[in-house]
């Protein structure tokens, strides 16, 4: 059945169970003042990002809008998001979120999130464009 084949090919694959500590990252990077710890789990890149108070994508990242889709969970703080169509959401500690490409984001008091990225594309996987 074609739908089943399409669905399976869009899902991340793992050949075995795995667990990794974000306190022992494969990579540590800093972009626009955001400190990011990265671990790899099969086809998934898991990132813990610590955004400083007063951070805003359009001011710190060298572009007016973010072109990536994000799927994640807010550990602490609050992140405000404004989509290109003017829609705004607030993601707060304890919230899971998906934010399509084409947005600006900011935090007043600082925010820590865990984000799940596929090496393919979260946008394709979740049917968001």
PDB file of N, CA and C in Angstrom:
ATOM      1  N   UNK A   1       0.850  -1.184   0.000  1.00  0.00           N
ATOM      2  CA  UNK A   1       0.000   0.000   0.000  1.00  0.00           C
ATOM      3  C   UNK A   1       0.889   1.239   0.000  1.00  0.00           C
ATOM      4  N   UNK A   2       0.773   2.127  -0.977  1.00  0.00           N
ATOM      5  CA  UNK A   2       1.687   3.262  -1.122  1.00  0.00           C
ATOM      6  C   UNK A   2       1.735   4.194   0.083  1.00  0.00           C
ATOM      7  N   UNK A   3       0.587   4.452   0.737  1.00  0.00           N
ATOM      8  CA  UNK A   3       0.594   5.368   1.880  1.00  0.00           C
ATOM      9  C   UNK A   3       1.501   4.841   2.987  1.00  0.00           C
ATOM     10  N   UNK A   4       1.406   3.531   3.269  1.00  0.00           N
ATOM     11  CA  UNK A   4       2.221   2.937   4.317  1.00  0.00           C
ATOM     12  C   UNK A   4       3.692   3.073   3.981  1.00  0.00           C
ATOM     13  N   UNK A   5       4.049   2.817   2.742  1.00  0.00           N
ATOM     14  CA  UNK A   5       5.437   2.960   2.318  1.00  0.00           C
ATOM     15  C   UNK A   5       5.909   4.393   2.467  1.00  0.00           C
ATOM     16  N   UNK A   6       5.099   5.347   2.042  1.00  0.00           N
ATOM     17  CA  UNK A   6       5.448   6.765   2.162  1.00  0.00           C
ATOM     18  C   UNK A   6       5.609   7.146   3.621  1.00  0.00           C
ATOM     19  N   UNK A   7       4.676   6.712   4.473  1.00  0.00           N
ATOM     20  CA  UNK A   7       4.709   7.042   5.890  1.00  0.00           C
ATOM     21  C   UNK A   7       5.976   6.488   6.532  1.00  0.00           C
ATOM     22  N   UNK A   8       6.287   5.238   6.249  1.00  0.00           N
ATOM     23  CA  UNK A   8       7.477   4.625   6.845  1.00  0.00           C
ATOM     24  C   UNK A   8       8.750   5.318   6.382  1.00  0.00           C
ATOM     25  N   UNK A   9       8.820   5.717   5.126  1.00  0.00           N
ATOM     26  CA  UNK A   9      10.037   6.360   4.638  1.00  0.00           C
ATOM     27  C   UNK A   9      10.202   7.755   5.219  1.00  0.00           C
ATOM     28  N   UNK A  10       9.121   8.364   5.672  1.00  0.00           N
ATOM     29  CA  UNK A  10       9.198   9.713   6.233  1.00  0.00           C
ATOM     30  C   UNK A  10       9.575   9.693   7.710  1.00  0.00           C
ATOM     31  N   UNK A  11       9.502   8.544   8.351  1.00  0.00           N
ATOM     32  CA  UNK A  11       9.798   8.450   9.769  1.00  0.00           C
ATOM     33  C   UNK A  11      11.293   8.241   9.990  1.00  0.00           C
ATOM     34  N   UNK A  12      11.801   8.778  11.089  1.00  0.00           N
ATOM     35  CA  UNK A  12      13.194   8.538  11.452  1.00  0.00           C
ATOM     36  C   UNK A  12      13.363   7.054  11.753  1.00  0.00           C
ATOM     37  N   UNK A  13      14.534   6.535  11.453  1.00  0.00           N
ATOM     38  CA  UNK A  13      14.770   5.116  11.687  1.00  0.00           C
ATOM     39  C   UNK A  13      15.919   4.918  12.657  1.00  0.00           C
ATOM     40  N   UNK A  14      15.807   3.904  13.461  1.00  0.00           N
ATOM     41  CA  UNK A  14      16.858   3.513  14.397  1.00  0.00           C
ATOM     42  C   UNK A  14      16.929   1.998  14.343  1.00  0.00           C
ATOM     43  N   UNK A  15      18.118   1.443  14.364  1.00  0.00           N
ATOM     44  CA  UNK A  15      18.251  -0.008  14.356  1.00  0.00           C
ATOM     45  C   UNK A  15      18.315  -0.566  15.771  1.00  0.00           C
ATOM     46  N   UNK A  16      18.534   0.305  16.769  1.00  0.00           N
ATOM     47  CA  UNK A  16      18.586  -0.158  18.154  1.00  0.00           C
ATOM     48  C   UNK A  16      18.226   0.996  19.088  1.00  0.00           C
ATOM     49  N   UNK A  17      17.867   0.652  20.306  1.00  0.00           N
ATOM     50  CA  UNK A  17      17.544   1.665  21.303  1.00  0.00           C
ATOM     51  C   UNK A  17      18.807   2.439  21.666  1.00  0.00           C
ATOM     52  N   UNK A  18      18.626   3.696  22.047  1.00  0.00           N
ATOM     53  CA  UNK A  18      19.778   4.516  22.412  1.00  0.00           C
ATOM     54  C   UNK A  18      19.355   5.578  23.412  1.00  0.00           C
ATOM     55  N   UNK A  19      20.284   5.996  24.224  1.00  0.00           N
ATOM     56  CA  UNK A  19      20.069   7.071  25.183  1.00  0.00           C
ATOM     57  C   UNK A  19      21.373   7.841  25.302  1.00  0.00           C
ATOM     58  N   UNK A  20      21.280   9.147  25.285  1.00  0.00           N
ATOM     59  CA  UNK A  20      22.476   9.987  25.358  1.00  0.00           C
ATOM     60  C   UNK A  20      22.232  11.123  26.333  1.00  0.00           C
ATOM     61  N   UNK A  21      23.248  11.534  27.042  1.00  0.00           N
ATOM     62  CA  UNK A  21      23.158  12.649  27.980  1.00  0.00           C
ATOM     63  C   UNK A  21      23.501  13.951  27.264  1.00  0.00           C
ATOM     64  N   UNK A  22      22.613  14.925  27.348  1.00  0.00           N
ATOM     65  CA  UNK A  22      22.900  16.237  26.767  1.00  0.00           C
ATOM     66  C   UNK A  22      24.035  16.942  27.513  1.00  0.00           C
ATOM     67  N   UNK A  23      24.339  16.487  28.735  1.00  0.00           N
ATOM     68  CA  UNK A  23      25.467  17.048  29.479  1.00  0.00           C
ATOM     69  C   UNK A  23      26.808  16.521  28.966  1.00  0.00           C
ATOM     70  N   UNK A  24      26.763  15.540  28.043  1.00  0.00           N
ATOM     71  CA  UNK A  24      27.966  15.019  27.387  1.00  0.00           C
ATOM     72  C   UNK A  24      27.730  15.073  25.875  1.00  0.00           C
ATOM     73  N   UNK A  25      27.656  16.287  25.318  1.00  0.00           N
ATOM     74  CA  UNK A  25      27.260  16.448  23.915  1.00  0.00           C
ATOM     75  C   UNK A  25      28.336  16.010  22.927  1.00  0.00           C
ATOM     76  N   UNK A  26      27.863  15.650  21.717  1.00  0.00           N
ATOM     77  CA  UNK A  26      28.771  15.385  20.606  1.00  0.00           C
ATOM     78  C   UNK A  26      29.351  16.694  20.075  1.00  0.00           C
ATOM     79  N   UNK A  27      28.556  17.745  20.170  1.00  0.00           N
ATOM     80  CA  UNK A  27      28.982  19.074  19.713  1.00  0.00           C
ATOM     81  C   UNK A  27      28.464  20.122  20.676  1.00  0.00           C
ATOM     82  N   UNK A  28      29.203  21.217  20.799  1.00  0.00           N
ATOM     83  CA  UNK A  28      28.729  22.410  21.483  1.00  0.00           C
ATOM     84  C   UNK A  28      28.994  23.574  20.546  1.00  0.00           C
ATOM     85  N   UNK A  29      27.955  24.338  20.274  1.00  0.00           N
ATOM     86  CA  UNK A  29      28.100  25.489  19.381  1.00  0.00           C
ATOM     87  C   UNK A  29      27.427  26.696  20.018  1.00  0.00           C
ATOM     88  N   UNK A  30      27.815  27.853  19.546  1.00  0.00           N
ATOM     89  CA  UNK A  30      27.151  29.085  19.960  1.00  0.00           C
ATOM     90  C   UNK A  30      26.832  29.867  18.698  1.00  0.00           C
ATOM     91  N   UNK A  31      25.557  30.262  18.562  1.00  0.00           N
ATOM     92  CA  UNK A  31      25.105  31.042  17.408  1.00  0.00           C
ATOM     93  C   UNK A  31      24.253  32.182  17.918  1.00  0.00           C
ATOM     94  N   UNK A  32      24.630  33.399  17.586  1.00  0.00           N
ATOM     95  CA  UNK A  32      23.833  34.557  17.960  1.00  0.00           C
ATOM     96  C   UNK A  32      23.590  34.669  19.450  1.00  0.00           C
ATOM     97  N   UNK A  33      24.544  34.199  20.263  1.00  0.00           N
ATOM     98  CA  UNK A  33      24.408  34.237  21.708  1.00  0.00           C
ATOM     99  C   UNK A  33      23.696  33.035  22.303  1.00  0.00           C
ATOM    100  N   UNK A  34      23.207  32.118  21.455  1.00  0.00           N
ATOM    101  CA  UNK A  34      22.511  30.914  21.921  1.00  0.00           C
ATOM    102  C   UNK A  34      23.536  29.795  22.086  1.00  0.00           C
ATOM    103  N   UNK A  35      23.580  29.208  23.273  1.00  0.00           N
ATOM    104  CA  UNK A  35      24.479  28.084  23.533  1.00  0.00           C
ATOM    105  C   UNK A  35      23.718  26.791  23.270  1.00  0.00           C
ATOM    106  N   UNK A  36      24.296  25.940  22.407  1.00  0.00           N
ATOM    107  CA  UNK A  36      23.592  24.739  21.951  1.00  0.00           C
ATOM    108  C   UNK A  36      24.457  23.498  22.190  1.00  0.00           C
ATOM    109  N   UNK A  37      23.877  22.516  22.908  1.00  0.00           N
ATOM    110  CA  UNK A  37      24.491  21.202  23.098  1.00  0.00           C
ATOM    111  C   UNK A  37      23.780  20.243  22.157  1.00  0.00           C
ATOM    112  N   UNK A  38      24.558  19.426  21.418  1.00  0.00           N
ATOM    113  CA  UNK A  38      23.988  18.536  20.401  1.00  0.00           C
ATOM    114  C   UNK A  38      24.422  17.095  20.658  1.00  0.00           C
ATOM    115  N   UNK A  39      23.435  16.176  20.615  1.00  0.00           N
ATOM    116  CA  UNK A  39      23.734  14.743  20.602  1.00  0.00           C
ATOM    117  C   UNK A  39      23.036  14.127  19.397  1.00  0.00           C
ATOM    118  N   UNK A  40      23.616  13.068  18.875  1.00  0.00           N
ATOM    119  CA  UNK A  40      23.065  12.366  17.718  1.00  0.00           C
ATOM    120  C   UNK A  40      22.502  11.027  18.157  1.00  0.00           C
ATOM    121  N   UNK A  41      21.249  10.777  17.744  1.00  0.00           N
ATOM    122  CA  UNK A  41      20.577   9.497  17.986  1.00  0.00           C
ATOM    123  C   UNK A  41      20.055   8.994  16.650  1.00  0.00           C
ATOM    124  N   UNK A  42      20.817   8.148  15.983  1.00  0.00           N
ATOM    125  CA  UNK A  42      20.412   7.662  14.665  1.00  0.00           C
ATOM    126  C   UNK A  42      20.210   8.819  13.711  1.00  0.00           C
ATOM    127  N   UNK A  43      19.004   8.920  13.130  1.00  0.00           N
ATOM    128  CA  UNK A  43      18.691   9.978  12.171  1.00  0.00           C
ATOM    129  C   UNK A  43      18.265  11.289  12.831  1.00  0.00           C
ATOM    130  N   UNK A  44      18.299  11.340  14.144  1.00  0.00           N
ATOM    131  CA  UNK A  44      17.815  12.508  14.872  1.00  0.00           C
ATOM    132  C   UNK A  44      18.975  13.262  15.519  1.00  0.00           C
ATOM    133  N   UNK A  45      18.950  14.570  15.361  1.00  0.00           N
ATOM    134  CA  UNK A  45      19.870  15.459  16.063  1.00  0.00           C
ATOM    135  C   UNK A  45      19.056  16.089  17.185  1.00  0.00           C
ATOM    136  N   UNK A  46      19.468  15.863  18.440  1.00  0.00           N
ATOM    137  CA  UNK A  46      18.774  16.426  19.591  1.00  0.00           C
ATOM    138  C   UNK A  46      19.613  17.590  20.099  1.00  0.00           C
ATOM    139  N   UNK A  47      18.957  18.754  20.219  1.00  0.00           N
ATOM    140  CA  UNK A  47      19.676  19.961  20.618  1.00  0.00           C
ATOM    141  C   UNK A  47      19.031  20.566  21.865  1.00  0.00           C
ATOM    142  N   UNK A  48      19.869  20.914  22.828  1.00  0.00           N
ATOM    143  CA  UNK A  48      19.418  21.717  23.969  1.00  0.00           C
ATOM    144  C   UNK A  48      19.975  23.120  23.739  1.00  0.00           C
ATOM    145  N   UNK A  49      19.072  24.071  23.599  1.00  0.00           N
ATOM    146  CA  UNK A  49      19.466  25.445  23.295  1.00  0.00           C
ATOM    147  C   UNK A  49      19.108  26.360  24.456  1.00  0.00           C
ATOM    148  N   UNK A  50      20.096  27.117  24.918  1.00  0.00           N
ATOM    149  CA  UNK A  50      19.899  28.088  25.996  1.00  0.00           C
ATOM    150  C   UNK A  50      19.938  29.492  25.406  1.00  0.00           C
ATOM    151  N   UNK A  51      18.768  30.137  25.370  1.00  0.00           N
ATOM    152  CA  UNK A  51      18.630  31.484  24.814  1.00  0.00           C
ATOM    153  C   UNK A  51      18.757  32.506  25.934  1.00  0.00           C
ATOM    154  N   UNK A  52      19.629  33.498  25.781  1.00  0.00           N
ATOM    155  CA  UNK A  52      19.783  34.507  26.839  1.00  0.00           C
ATOM    156  C   UNK A  52      18.611  35.488  26.864  1.00  0.00           C
ATOM    157  N   UNK A  53      18.424  36.134  28.005  1.00  0.00           N
ATOM    158  CA  UNK A  53      17.387  37.160  28.143  1.00  0.00           C
ATOM    159  C   UNK A  53      17.596  38.232  27.074  1.00  0.00           C
ATOM    160  N   UNK A  54      16.498  38.661  26.458  1.00  0.00           N
ATOM    161  CA  UNK A  54      16.550  39.716  25.454  1.00  0.00           C
ATOM    162  C   UNK A  54      16.895  39.255  24.052  1.00  0.00           C
ATOM    163  N   UNK A  55      17.052  37.949  23.835  1.00  0.00           N
ATOM    164  CA  UNK A  55      17.422  37.419  22.511  1.00  0.00           C
ATOM    165  C   UNK A  55      16.245  37.535  21.548  1.00  0.00           C
ATOM    166  N   UNK A  56      16.556  37.903  20.296  1.00  0.00           N
ATOM    167  CA  UNK A  56      15.553  37.931  19.231  1.00  0.00           C
ATOM    168  C   UNK A  56      16.210  37.453  17.945  1.00  0.00           C
ATOM    169  N   UNK A  57      15.573  36.496  17.263  1.00  0.00           N
ATOM    170  CA  UNK A  57      16.142  35.918  16.052  1.00  0.00           C
ATOM    171  C   UNK A  57      16.529  36.989  15.053  1.00  0.00           C
ATOM    172  N   UNK A  58      15.601  37.889  14.715  1.00  0.00           N
ATOM    173  CA  UNK A  58      15.831  38.883  13.662  1.00  0.00           C
ATOM    174  C   UNK A  58      16.933  39.884  14.012  1.00  0.00           C
ATOM    175  N   UNK A  59      17.316  39.957  15.265  1.00  0.00           N
ATOM    176  CA  UNK A  59      18.396  40.862  15.671  1.00  0.00           C
ATOM    177  C   UNK A  59      19.735  40.150  15.845  1.00  0.00           C
ATOM    178  N   UNK A  60      19.711  38.869  16.133  1.00  0.00           N
ATOM    179  CA  UNK A  60      20.936  38.148  16.502  1.00  0.00           C
ATOM    180  C   UNK A  60      21.434  37.132  15.485  1.00  0.00           C
ATOM    181  N   UNK A  61      20.571  36.711  14.531  1.00  0.00           N
ATOM    182  CA  UNK A  61      20.943  35.589  13.677  1.00  0.00           C
ATOM    183  C   UNK A  61      21.261  35.968  12.234  1.00  0.00           C
ATOM    184  N   UNK A  62      21.253  37.249  11.902  1.00  0.00           N
ATOM    185  CA  UNK A  62      21.649  37.681  10.570  1.00  0.00           C
ATOM    186  C   UNK A  62      20.597  37.523   9.494  1.00  0.00           C
ATOM    187  N   UNK A  63      19.349  37.350   9.865  1.00  0.00           N
ATOM    188  CA  UNK A  63      18.240  37.234   8.906  1.00  0.00           C
ATOM    189  C   UNK A  63      16.978  37.764   9.570  1.00  0.00           C
ATOM    190  N   UNK A  64      16.028  38.214   8.759  1.00  0.00           N
ATOM    191  CA  UNK A  64      14.762  38.720   9.299  1.00  0.00           C
ATOM    192  C   UNK A  64      13.865  37.603   9.815  1.00  0.00           C
ATOM    193  N   UNK A  65      13.937  36.435   9.181  1.00  0.00           N
ATOM    194  CA  UNK A  65      13.065  35.311   9.503  1.00  0.00           C
ATOM    195  C   UNK A  65      13.867  34.016   9.528  1.00  0.00           C
ATOM    196  N   UNK A  66      13.388  33.062  10.316  1.00  0.00           N
ATOM    197  CA  UNK A  66      13.992  31.739  10.350  1.00  0.00           C
ATOM    198  C   UNK A  66      13.354  30.884   9.266  1.00  0.00           C
ATOM    199  N   UNK A  67      14.178  30.182   8.512  1.00  0.00           N
ATOM    200  CA  UNK A  67      13.700  29.340   7.424  1.00  0.00           C
ATOM    201  C   UNK A  67      13.583  27.870   7.778  1.00  0.00           C
ATOM    202  N   UNK A  68      13.695  27.534   9.060  1.00  0.00           N
ATOM    203  CA  UNK A  68      13.631  26.137   9.494  1.00  0.00           C
ATOM    204  C   UNK A  68      12.338  25.852  10.257  1.00  0.00           C
ATOM    205  N   UNK A  69      11.899  24.606  10.201  1.00  0.00           N
ATOM    206  CA  UNK A  69      10.789  24.122  11.020  1.00  0.00           C
ATOM    207  C   UNK A  69      11.380  23.525  12.288  1.00  0.00           C
ATOM    208  N   UNK A  70      10.750  23.814  13.414  1.00  0.00           N
ATOM    209  CA  UNK A  70      11.252  23.336  14.704  1.00  0.00           C
ATOM    210  C   UNK A  70      10.200  22.495  15.415  1.00  0.00           C
ATOM    211  N   UNK A  71      10.649  21.395  16.022  1.00  0.00           N
ATOM    212  CA  UNK A  71       9.816  20.537  16.853  1.00  0.00           C
ATOM    213  C   UNK A  71      10.567  20.380  18.163  1.00  0.00           C
ATOM    214  N   UNK A  72       9.897  20.662  19.285  1.00  0.00           N
ATOM    215  CA  UNK A  72      10.627  20.583  20.537  1.00  0.00           C
ATOM    216  C   UNK A  72       9.776  20.691  21.774  1.00  0.00           C
ATOM    217  N   UNK A  73      10.474  20.980  22.876  1.00  0.00           N
ATOM    218  CA  UNK A  73       9.889  21.043  24.206  1.00  0.00           C
ATOM    219  C   UNK A  73      10.591  22.158  24.978  1.00  0.00           C
ATOM    220  N   UNK A  74       9.810  22.994  25.671  1.00  0.00           N
ATOM    221  CA  UNK A  74      10.376  24.092  26.459  1.00  0.00           C
ATOM    222  C   UNK A  74      10.656  23.592  27.877  1.00  0.00           C
ATOM    223  N   UNK A  75      11.921  23.669  28.276  1.00  0.00           N
ATOM    224  CA  UNK A  75      12.318  23.252  29.626  1.00  0.00           C
ATOM    225  C   UNK A  75      12.026  24.363  30.628  1.00  0.00           C
ATOM    226  N   UNK A  76      12.489  25.580  30.317  1.00  0.00           N
ATOM    227  CA  UNK A  76      12.201  26.708  31.199  1.00  0.00           C
ATOM    228  C   UNK A  76      12.113  27.992  30.388  1.00  0.00           C
ATOM    229  N   UNK A  77      11.456  28.971  30.962  1.00  0.00           N
ATOM    230  CA  UNK A  77      11.290  30.252  30.299  1.00  0.00           C
ATOM    231  C   UNK A  77      10.145  30.249  29.300  1.00  0.00           C
ATOM    232  N   UNK A  78      10.132  31.277  28.471  1.00  0.00           N
ATOM    233  CA  UNK A  78       9.081  31.474  27.474  1.00  0.00           C
ATOM    234  C   UNK A  78       9.713  31.959  26.178  1.00  0.00           C
ATOM    235  N   UNK A  79       9.234  31.440  25.051  1.00  0.00           N
ATOM    236  CA  UNK A  79       9.653  31.905  23.726  1.00  0.00           C
ATOM    237  C   UNK A  79       8.418  32.384  22.993  1.00  0.00           C
ATOM    238  N   UNK A  80       8.460  33.602  22.499  1.00  0.00           N
ATOM    239  CA  UNK A  80       7.389  34.165  21.684  1.00  0.00           C
ATOM    240  C   UNK A  80       7.745  33.923  20.224  1.00  0.00           C
ATOM    241  N   UNK A  81       6.729  33.616  19.403  1.00  0.00           N
ATOM    242  CA  UNK A  81       6.948  33.354  17.984  1.00  0.00           C
ATOM    243  C   UNK A  81       5.910  34.132  17.181  1.00  0.00           C
ATOM    244  N   UNK A  82       6.370  34.793  16.125  1.00  0.00           N
ATOM    245  CA  UNK A  82       5.462  35.467  15.185  1.00  0.00           C
ATOM    246  C   UNK A  82       5.714  34.899  13.804  1.00  0.00           C
ATOM    247  N   UNK A  83       4.653  34.293  13.235  1.00  0.00           N
ATOM    248  CA  UNK A  83       4.736  33.718  11.895  1.00  0.00           C
ATOM    249  C   UNK A  83       4.633  34.829  10.849  1.00  0.00           C
ATOM    250  N   UNK A  84       5.057  34.524   9.622  1.00  0.00           N
ATOM    251  CA  UNK A  84       4.987  35.498   8.525  1.00  0.00           C
ATOM    252  C   UNK A  84       3.576  36.014   8.292  1.00  0.00           C
ATOM    253  N   UNK A  85       2.547  35.196   8.608  1.00  0.00           N
ATOM    254  CA  UNK A  85       1.161  35.635   8.405  1.00  0.00           C
ATOM    255  C   UNK A  85       0.636  36.472   9.574  1.00  0.00           C
ATOM    256  N   UNK A  86       1.493  36.753  10.574  1.00  0.00           N
ATOM    257  CA  UNK A  86       1.099  37.572  11.713  1.00  0.00           C
ATOM    258  C   UNK A  86       0.638  36.787  12.923  1.00  0.00           C
ATOM    259  N   UNK A  87       0.401  35.489  12.769  1.00  0.00           N
ATOM    260  CA  UNK A  87      -0.005  34.650  13.897  1.00  0.00           C
ATOM    261  C   UNK A  87       1.105  34.646  14.944  1.00  0.00           C
ATOM    262  N   UNK A  88       0.717  34.784  16.213  1.00  0.00           N
ATOM    263  CA  UNK A  88       1.690  34.726  17.300  1.00  0.00           C
ATOM    264  C   UNK A  88       1.323  33.622  18.274  1.00  0.00           C
ATOM    265  N   UNK A  89       2.348  32.935  18.765  1.00  0.00           N
ATOM    266  CA  UNK A  89       2.150  31.958  19.832  1.00  0.00           C
ATOM    267  C   UNK A  89       3.197  32.210  20.900  1.00  0.00           C
ATOM    268  N   UNK A  90       2.891  31.750  22.090  1.00  0.00           N
ATOM    269  CA  UNK A  90       3.821  31.797  23.204  1.00  0.00           C
ATOM    270  C   UNK A  90       4.046  30.364  23.643  1.00  0.00           C
ATOM    271  N   UNK A  91       5.307  29.939  23.676  1.00  0.00           N
ATOM    272  CA  UNK A  91       5.623  28.602  24.165  1.00  0.00           C
ATOM    273  C   UNK A  91       6.242  28.773  25.546  1.00  0.00           C
ATOM    274  N   UNK A  92       5.703  28.050  26.508  1.00  0.00           N
ATOM    275  CA  UNK A  92       6.101  28.195  27.902  1.00  0.00           C
ATOM    276  C   UNK A  92       6.673  26.901  28.448  1.00  0.00           C
ATOM    277  N   UNK A  93       7.362  26.996  29.582  1.00  0.00           N
ATOM    278  CA  UNK A  93       7.922  25.812  30.230  1.00  0.00           C
ATOM    279  C   UNK A  93       6.871  24.716  30.306  1.00  0.00           C
ATOM    280  N   UNK A  94       7.242  23.524  29.850  1.00  0.00           N
ATOM    281  CA  UNK A  94       6.335  22.383  29.851  1.00  0.00           C
ATOM    282  C   UNK A  94       5.591  22.179  28.549  1.00  0.00           C
ATOM    283  N   UNK A  95       5.697  23.124  27.611  1.00  0.00           N
ATOM    284  CA  UNK A  95       5.001  23.025  26.325  1.00  0.00           C
ATOM    285  C   UNK A  95       5.819  22.255  25.296  1.00  0.00           C
ATOM    286  N   UNK A  96       5.145  21.410  24.523  1.00  0.00           N
ATOM    287  CA  UNK A  96       5.710  20.833  23.299  1.00  0.00           C
ATOM    288  C   UNK A  96       5.262  21.737  22.164  1.00  0.00           C
ATOM    289  N   UNK A  97       6.078  21.854  21.106  1.00  0.00           N
ATOM    290  CA  UNK A  97       5.729  22.783  20.034  1.00  0.00           C
ATOM    291  C   UNK A  97       6.200  22.292  18.677  1.00  0.00           C
ATOM    292  N   UNK A  98       5.552  22.797  17.645  1.00  0.00           N
ATOM    293  CA  UNK A  98       6.027  22.731  16.275  1.00  0.00           C
ATOM    294  C   UNK A  98       5.837  24.131  15.708  1.00  0.00           C
ATOM    295  N   UNK A  99       6.906  24.652  15.103  1.00  0.00           N
ATOM    296  CA  UNK A  99       6.881  25.988  14.516  1.00  0.00           C
ATOM    297  C   UNK A  99       7.376  25.853  13.076  1.00  0.00           C
ATOM    298  N   UNK A 100       6.513  26.106  12.098  1.00  0.00           N
ATOM    299  CA  UNK A 100       6.929  26.018  10.698  1.00  0.00           C
ATOM    300  C   UNK A 100       7.946  27.102  10.323  1.00  0.00           C
ATOM    301  N   UNK A 101       8.646  26.876   9.233  1.00  0.00           N
ATOM    302  CA  UNK A 101       9.580  27.865   8.694  1.00  0.00           C
ATOM    303  C   UNK A 101       8.827  29.161   8.394  1.00  0.00           C
ATOM    304  N   UNK A 102       9.548  30.286   8.468  1.00  0.00           N
ATOM    305  CA  UNK A 102       8.955  31.585   8.179  1.00  0.00           C
ATOM    306  C   UNK A 102       8.450  32.256   9.437  1.00  0.00           C
ATOM    307  N   UNK A 103       9.359  32.484  10.399  1.00  0.00           N
ATOM    308  CA  UNK A 103       8.954  33.090  11.667  1.00  0.00           C
ATOM    309  C   UNK A 103      10.096  33.901  12.267  1.00  0.00           C
ATOM    310  N   UNK A 104       9.732  34.762  13.181  1.00  0.00           N
ATOM    311  CA  UNK A 104      10.679  35.432  14.062  1.00  0.00           C
ATOM    312  C   UNK A 104      10.373  34.914  15.460  1.00  0.00           C
ATOM    313  N   UNK A 105      11.343  34.929  16.354  1.00  0.00           N
ATOM    314  CA  UNK A 105      11.134  34.443  17.716  1.00  0.00           C
ATOM    315  C   UNK A 105      11.986  35.264  18.669  1.00  0.00           C
ATOM    316  N   UNK A 106      11.519  35.373  19.917  1.00  0.00           N
ATOM    317  CA  UNK A 106      12.256  36.136  20.916  1.00  0.00           C
ATOM    318  C   UNK A 106      11.885  35.676  22.313  1.00  0.00           C
ATOM    319  N   UNK A 107      12.780  35.992  23.253  1.00  0.00           N
ATOM    320  CA  UNK A 107      12.521  35.723  24.663  1.00  0.00           C
ATOM    321  C   UNK A 107      12.956  36.931  25.469  1.00  0.00           C
ATOM    322  N   UNK A 108      12.120  37.322  26.416  1.00  0.00           N
ATOM    323  CA  UNK A 108      12.450  38.463  27.268  1.00  0.00           C
ATOM    324  C   UNK A 108      13.320  38.041  28.439  1.00  0.00           C
ATOM    325  N   UNK A 109      12.977  36.920  29.079  1.00  0.00           N
ATOM    326  CA  UNK A 109      13.678  36.517  30.298  1.00  0.00           C
ATOM    327  C   UNK A 109      14.677  35.387  30.089  1.00  0.00           C
ATOM    328  N   UNK A 110      14.788  34.865  28.881  1.00  0.00           N
ATOM    329  CA  UNK A 110      15.640  33.719  28.620  1.00  0.00           C
ATOM    330  C   UNK A 110      14.789  32.467  28.523  1.00  0.00           C
ATOM    331  N   UNK A 111      15.325  31.442  27.864  1.00  0.00           N
ATOM    332  CA  UNK A 111      14.538  30.238  27.606  1.00  0.00           C
ATOM    333  C   UNK A 111      15.486  29.080  27.285  1.00  0.00           C
ATOM    334  N   UNK A 112      15.124  27.896  27.743  1.00  0.00           N
ATOM    335  CA  UNK A 112      15.864  26.681  27.384  1.00  0.00           C
ATOM    336  C   UNK A 112      14.887  25.720  26.735  1.00  0.00           C
ATOM    337  N   UNK A 113      15.259  25.236  25.540  1.00  0.00           N
ATOM    338  CA  UNK A 113      14.418  24.279  24.828  1.00  0.00           C
ATOM    339  C   UNK A 113      15.240  23.057  24.441  1.00  0.00           C
ATOM    340  N   UNK A 114      14.537  21.948  24.233  1.00  0.00           N
ATOM    341  CA  UNK A 114      15.128  20.776  23.594  1.00  0.00           C
ATOM    342  C   UNK A 114      14.421  20.649  22.260  1.00  0.00           C
ATOM    343  N   UNK A 115      15.199  20.516  21.198  1.00  0.00           N
ATOM    344  CA  UNK A 115      14.667  20.482  19.837  1.00  0.00           C
ATOM    345  C   UNK A 115      15.109  19.201  19.155  1.00  0.00           C
ATOM    346  N   UNK A 116      14.207  18.641  18.343  1.00  0.00           N
ATOM    347  CA  UNK A 116      14.474  17.382  17.645  1.00  0.00           C
ATOM    348  C   UNK A 116      14.498  17.649  16.147  1.00  0.00           C
ATOM    349  N   UNK A 117      15.654  17.442  15.523  1.00  0.00           N
ATOM    350  CA  UNK A 117      15.816  17.682  14.094  1.00  0.00           C
ATOM    351  C   UNK A 117      16.184  16.382  13.401  1.00  0.00           C
ATOM    352  N   UNK A 118      15.529  16.134  12.271  1.00  0.00           N
ATOM    353  CA  UNK A 118      15.926  15.000  11.444  1.00  0.00           C
ATOM    354  C   UNK A 118      16.941  15.500  10.435  1.00  0.00           C
ATOM    355  N   UNK A 119      17.830  14.620  10.037  1.00  0.00           N
ATOM    356  CA  UNK A 119      18.784  15.016   9.013  1.00  0.00           C
ATOM    357  C   UNK A 119      18.048  15.264   7.713  1.00  0.00           C
ATOM    358  N   UNK A 120      16.906  14.593   7.535  1.00  0.00           N
ATOM    359  CA  UNK A 120      16.032  14.878   6.413  1.00  0.00           C
ATOM    360  C   UNK A 120      15.413  16.226   6.761  1.00  0.00           C
ATOM    361  N   UNK A 121      14.141  16.346   6.885  1.00  0.00           N
ATOM    362  CA  UNK A 121      13.536  17.631   7.192  1.00  0.00           C
ATOM    363  C   UNK A 121      12.324  17.460   8.083  1.00  0.00           C
ATOM    364  N   UNK A 122      12.304  18.176   9.191  1.00  0.00           N
ATOM    365  CA  UNK A 122      11.132  18.150  10.069  1.00  0.00           C
ATOM    366  C   UNK A 122       9.908  18.660   9.315  1.00  0.00           C
ATOM    367  N   UNK A 123      10.097  19.617   8.441  1.00  0.00           N
ATOM    368  CA  UNK A 123       8.965  20.163   7.675  1.00  0.00           C
ATOM    369  C   UNK A 123       8.321  19.072   6.826  1.00  0.00           C
ATOM    370  N   UNK A 124       9.147  18.271   6.131  1.00  0.00           N
ATOM    371  CA  UNK A 124       8.591  17.177   5.313  1.00  0.00           C
ATOM    372  C   UNK A 124       7.933  16.124   6.195  1.00  0.00           C
ATOM    373  N   UNK A 125       8.583  15.793   7.277  1.00  0.00           N
ATOM    374  CA  UNK A 125       8.054  14.727   8.143  1.00  0.00           C
ATOM    375  C   UNK A 125       6.700  15.090   8.723  1.00  0.00           C
ATOM    376  N   UNK A 126       6.536  16.333   9.150  1.00  0.00           N
ATOM    377  CA  UNK A 126       5.297  16.729   9.806  1.00  0.00           C
ATOM    378  C   UNK A 126       4.318  17.389   8.858  1.00  0.00           C
ATOM    379  N   UNK A 127       4.633  17.424   7.560  1.00  0.00           N
ATOM    380  CA  UNK A 127       3.710  17.966   6.575  1.00  0.00           C
ATOM    381  C   UNK A 127       3.487  19.453   6.723  1.00  0.00           C
ATOM    382  N   UNK A 128       4.504  20.165   7.177  1.00  0.00           N
ATOM    383  CA  UNK A 128       4.399  21.620   7.367  1.00  0.00           C
ATOM    384  C   UNK A 128       5.316  22.279   6.344  1.00  0.00           C
ATOM    385  N   UNK A 129       4.828  23.317   5.708  1.00  0.00           N
ATOM    386  CA  UNK A 129       5.706  24.032   4.769  1.00  0.00           C
ATOM    387  C   UNK A 129       5.654  25.508   5.018  1.00  0.00           C
TER     388      UNK A 129
END
